C-alpha atoms as a PDB file:
ATOM      1  CA  MET A   1       1.212  22.854   8.014  1.00  0.00           C
ATOM      2  CA  THR A   2      -2.054  22.016   9.674  1.00  0.00           C
ATOM      3  CA  PRO A   3      -2.586  21.542  13.427  1.00  0.00           C
ATOM      4  CA  LEU A   4      -2.865  17.783  12.777  1.00  0.00           C
ATOM      5  CA  MET A   5       0.482  17.750  10.996  1.00  0.00           C
ATOM      6  CA  GLU A   6       2.063  19.785  13.774  1.00  0.00           C
ATOM      7  CA  LYS A   7       0.831  17.244  16.330  1.00  0.00           C
ATOM      8  CA  LEU A   8       2.162  14.414  14.188  1.00  0.00           C
ATOM      9  CA  ALA A   9       5.524  16.188  14.018  1.00  0.00           C
ATOM     10  CA  GLY A  10       5.461  16.372  17.811  1.00  0.00           C
ATOM     11  CA  MET A  11       5.012  12.586  17.864  1.00  0.00           C
ATOM     12  CA  GLY A  12       8.185  12.102  15.822  1.00  0.00           C
ATOM     13  CA  CYS A  13       6.701  12.056  12.310  1.00  0.00           C
ATOM     14  CA  ASP A  14       8.584  13.598   9.403  1.00  0.00           C
ATOM     15  CA  MET A  15       5.982  16.156   8.434  1.00  0.00           C
ATOM     16  CA  ASN A  16       8.409  18.431   6.592  1.00  0.00           C
ATOM     17  CA  ALA A  17       9.102  15.699   4.048  1.00  0.00           C
ATOM     18  CA  ALA A  18       5.422  14.717   3.911  1.00  0.00           C
ATOM     19  CA  TRP A  19       4.393  18.335   3.414  1.00  0.00           C
ATOM     20  CA  ASN A  20       6.711  18.538   0.400  1.00  0.00           C
ATOM     21  CA  ARG A  21       5.615  15.141  -0.942  1.00  0.00           C
ATOM     22  CA  PHE A  22       1.970  16.200  -0.781  1.00  0.00           C
ATOM     23  CA  LEU A  23       2.803  19.528  -2.451  1.00  0.00           C
ATOM     24  CA  ASN A  24       1.578  21.514   0.569  1.00  0.00           C
ATOM     25  CA  ASP A  25      -1.937  20.163   0.039  1.00  0.00           C
ATOM     26  CA  ALA A  26      -3.309  19.604   3.556  1.00  0.00           C
ATOM     27  CA  ASP A  27      -6.597  18.086   2.387  1.00  0.00           C
ATOM     28  CA  PHE A  28      -4.825  15.537   0.211  1.00  0.00           C
ATOM     29  CA  PHE A  29      -2.447  14.647   3.061  1.00  0.00           C
ATOM     30  CA  GLU A  30      -5.311  14.149   5.497  1.00  0.00           C
ATOM     31  CA  GLN A  31      -7.226  12.003   2.990  1.00  0.00           C
ATOM     32  CA  CYS A  32      -4.170   9.780   2.483  1.00  0.00           C
ATOM     33  CA  PHE A  33      -3.489   9.647   6.223  1.00  0.00           C
ATOM     34  CA  ARG A  34      -7.052   8.482   6.891  1.00  0.00           C
ATOM     35  CA  LYS A  35      -6.945   5.958   4.008  1.00  0.00           C
ATOM     36  CA  LEU A  36      -3.721   4.528   5.398  1.00  0.00           C
ATOM     37  CA  LEU A  37      -5.208   4.070   8.854  1.00  0.00           C
ATOM     38  CA  GLU A  38      -8.283   2.400   7.309  1.00  0.00           C
ATOM     39  CA  ASP A  39      -6.233   0.075   5.113  1.00  0.00           C
ATOM     40  CA  PRO A  40      -7.364  -3.564   5.531  1.00  0.00           C
ATOM     41  CA  ALA A  41      -3.767  -4.632   4.883  1.00  0.00           C
ATOM     42  CA  PHE A  42      -3.085  -4.112   8.613  1.00  0.00           C
ATOM     43  CA  GLU A  43      -5.532  -6.867   9.526  1.00  0.00           C
ATOM     44  CA  ALA A  44      -4.385  -9.048   6.625  1.00  0.00           C
ATOM     45  CA  LEU A  45      -0.816  -8.677   7.881  1.00  0.00           C
ATOM     46  CA  GLY A  46      -1.902  -9.751  11.352  1.00  0.00           C
ATOM     47  CA  SER A  47      -3.629 -12.820   9.926  1.00  0.00           C
ATOM     48  CA  ALA A  48      -0.568 -13.743   7.859  1.00  0.00           C
ATOM     49  CA  ILE A  49       1.660 -13.427  10.930  1.00  0.00           C
ATOM     50  CA  GLN A  50      -0.673 -15.580  13.017  1.00  0.00           C
ATOM     51  CA  GLU A  51      -0.822 -18.193  10.270  1.00  0.00           C
ATOM     52  CA  HIS A  52       2.998 -18.129   9.899  1.00  0.00           C
ATOM     53  CA  ASP A  53       2.577 -17.203   6.231  1.00  0.00           C
ATOM     54  CA  LYS A  54       5.892 -15.403   5.817  1.00  0.00           C
ATOM     55  CA  GLU A  55       5.412 -14.751   2.098  1.00  0.00           C
ATOM     56  CA  ALA A  56       2.019 -13.058   2.483  1.00  0.00           C
ATOM     57  CA  GLY A  57       3.240 -11.276   5.617  1.00  0.00           C
ATOM     58  CA  PHE A  58       6.183  -9.899   3.696  1.00  0.00           C
ATOM     59  CA  GLU A  59       3.965  -8.709   0.829  1.00  0.00           C
ATOM     60  CA  TYR A  60       1.521  -6.894   3.137  1.00  0.00           C
ATOM     61  CA  SER A  61       4.231  -5.417   5.316  1.00  0.00           C
ATOM     62  CA  HIS A  62       6.319  -4.275   2.356  1.00  0.00           C
ATOM     63  CA  MET A  63       3.316  -2.540   0.800  1.00  0.00           C
ATOM     64  CA  LEU A  64       2.436  -0.832   4.089  1.00  0.00           C
ATOM     65  CA  LYS A  65       6.055   0.214   4.587  1.00  0.00           C
ATOM     66  CA  GLY A  66       6.002   2.240   1.372  1.00  0.00           C
ATOM     67  CA  ILE A  67       2.746   3.976   2.196  1.00  0.00           C
ATOM     68  CA  ILE A  68       3.785   4.678   5.783  1.00  0.00           C
ATOM     69  CA  ALA A  69       7.053   6.194   4.537  1.00  0.00           C
ATOM     70  CA  THR A  70       5.230   8.375   2.013  1.00  0.00           C
ATOM     71  CA  VAL A  71       2.926   9.783   4.695  1.00  0.00           C
ATOM     72  CA  GLY A  72       5.945  10.391   6.962  1.00  0.00           C
ATOM     73  CA  LEU A  73       4.795   8.338   9.951  1.00  0.00           C
ATOM     74  CA  THR A  74       8.268   7.599  11.328  1.00  0.00           C
ATOM     75  CA  PRO A  75       7.115   5.803  14.518  1.00  0.00           C
ATOM     76  CA  MET A  76       5.036   3.385  12.430  1.00  0.00           C
ATOM     77  CA  TYR A  77       7.818   3.064   9.869  1.00  0.00           C
ATOM     78  CA  GLN A  78      10.226   1.826  12.524  1.00  0.00           C
ATOM     79  CA  GLU A  79       7.776  -0.886  13.553  1.00  0.00           C
ATOM     80  CA  ILE A  80       6.869  -1.986  10.027  1.00  0.00           C
ATOM     81  CA  GLU A  81      10.554  -2.198   9.178  1.00  0.00           C
ATOM     82  CA  ALA A  82      10.979  -4.558  12.166  1.00  0.00           C
ATOM     83  CA  ILE A  83       8.412  -6.768  10.426  1.00  0.00           C
ATOM     84  CA  VAL A  84       9.546  -6.448   6.802  1.00  0.00           C
ATOM     85  CA  GLU A  85      13.206  -7.265   7.294  1.00  0.00           C
ATOM     86  CA  PRO A  86      12.844 -10.539   9.248  1.00  0.00           C
ATOM     87  CA  LEU A  87      10.102 -11.706   6.873  1.00  0.00           C
ATOM     88  CA  ARG A  88      12.264 -10.802   3.880  1.00  0.00           C
ATOM     89  CA  ALA A  89      14.888 -13.145   5.326  1.00  0.00           C
ATOM     90  CA  GLY A  90      12.277 -15.853   5.952  1.00  0.00           C
ATOM     91  CA  GLN A  91      12.420 -15.353   9.724  1.00  0.00           C
ATOM     92  CA  GLU A  92       9.667 -14.659  12.243  1.00  0.00           C
ATOM     93  CA  ALA A  93      11.680 -13.666  15.332  1.00  0.00           C
ATOM     94  CA  GLY A  94      10.228 -10.503  16.867  1.00  0.00           C
ATOM     95  CA  VAL A  95       7.603 -10.057  14.153  1.00  0.00           C
ATOM     96  CA  GLN A  96       4.575 -10.666  16.381  1.00  0.00           C
ATOM     97  CA  GLU A  97       5.837  -8.169  18.959  1.00  0.00           C
ATOM     98  CA  ALA A  98       6.583  -5.556  16.293  1.00  0.00           C
ATOM     99  CA  TYR A  99       3.079  -6.077  14.884  1.00  0.00           C
ATOM    100  CA  GLY A 100       1.601  -5.375  18.326  1.00  0.00           C
ATOM    101  CA  ARG A 101       3.601  -2.150  18.568  1.00  0.00           C
ATOM    102  CA  LEU A 102       2.598  -1.199  15.003  1.00  0.00           C
ATOM    103  CA  MET A 103      -1.069  -1.622  15.824  1.00  0.00           C
ATOM    104  CA  SER A 104      -0.630   0.402  19.007  1.00  0.00           C
ATOM    105  CA  LYS A 105       0.882   3.259  16.980  1.00  0.00           C
ATOM    106  CA  ARG A 106      -1.982   2.963  14.502  1.00  0.00           C
ATOM    107  CA  GLU A 107      -4.466   3.330  17.369  1.00  0.00           C
ATOM    108  CA  GLN A 108      -2.623   6.415  18.653  1.00  0.00           C
ATOM    109  CA  PHE A 109      -2.824   8.005  15.227  1.00  0.00           C
ATOM    110  CA  TRP A 110      -6.547   7.117  14.934  1.00  0.00           C
ATOM    111  CA  LYS A 111      -7.223   8.862  18.237  1.00  0.00           C
ATOM    112  CA  LEU A 112      -5.299  11.912  17.111  1.00  0.00           C
ATOM    113  CA  LEU A 113      -7.196  12.030  13.820  1.00  0.00           C
ATOM    114  CA  GLU A 114     -10.540  11.750  15.602  1.00  0.00           C
ATOM    115  CA  GLU A 115      -9.579  14.515  18.048  1.00  0.00           C
ATOM    116  CA  GLU A 116      -8.889  16.806  15.101  1.00  0.00           C
ATOM    117  CA  ARG A 117     -12.323  16.252  13.572  1.00  0.00           C
END
């Protein structure tokens, strides 16, 4: 594993599973990690939540959930799950707060990625 992946593991990410999923290819992992953090779906999700568009919010959050799980970002996964499940049920309770925490985690990971460059 790379120093970045070791730091992510220290933040509670499942880097052993990610390492296997990415076939021990550190460059490919880091490319996918960066692409995830750059994904405009985060902002689109925020807009859908603000507009109370539960259907679009569910679609964006469900898509992000799969990518976040693949990359092994457990702290983000917990927050996106707190968005997906209420929206799946047509509810909004707690979604805005979970989105704020999700974006905070995203910012933490951005800072970590930039430190490693």
